[in-house]
Amino acid sequence: MIVNSTVLISLGNLGKLELITNCQIPEKVLKEITNEPVKSALLNLNFQKVVPSKESIAKALKLLGDRNESGDSDIVAFLLDFPSSIIATDDKRLRNICRALGGKVTGTFGILINSVKKGTISKDEALNILDKLNNIGFRMSLELYKTVKEKIERV
């Protein structure tokens, strides 16, 4: 799984980075993480730092319509290099581009639901995290909140 800064920041601010397992993080995504406690928490996360190919970065910049390399361009470039990768991001534009490229996409909520399925956390803990995300201003509609809550409860 290739993880973008949106997911790292969301779970990192709640002290729940351990829910992200077997992941790779592009170097430019790591540079986007400047706030605490997330930056320090990354030191305890087991991940592999990755750098996509120059050719894929150039293609990604064209697809994104961006001039400068960023975490987003590294995510897209990595997907171009490894099309079977799962991309973890909450960024709508990036999710749409990755899906258009045939990539499998998940996000903070998908990781949360999957953690309950795997038994990493209980349903109650997942619901508590969902409420905390809502309380700290994580962008979600009431409908999305209800959908995620129902999915957690049905696991």
Foldseek 3Di string as FASTA:
>chain_A
DEEALQQLVLCQVVVRLVLDPAYEYEPQRLVVPDDPPSNVSVVVHDYHYDAADPVLLVVLCVLLVHDDDHSLSRQRSVCVVPVADEYEDPDPVSVVSNVVSVHHYHYNLRSLLVCCVVVVDPLVVSLVSLVVSVVVPPDDDPVVSVVSNVSSVVD
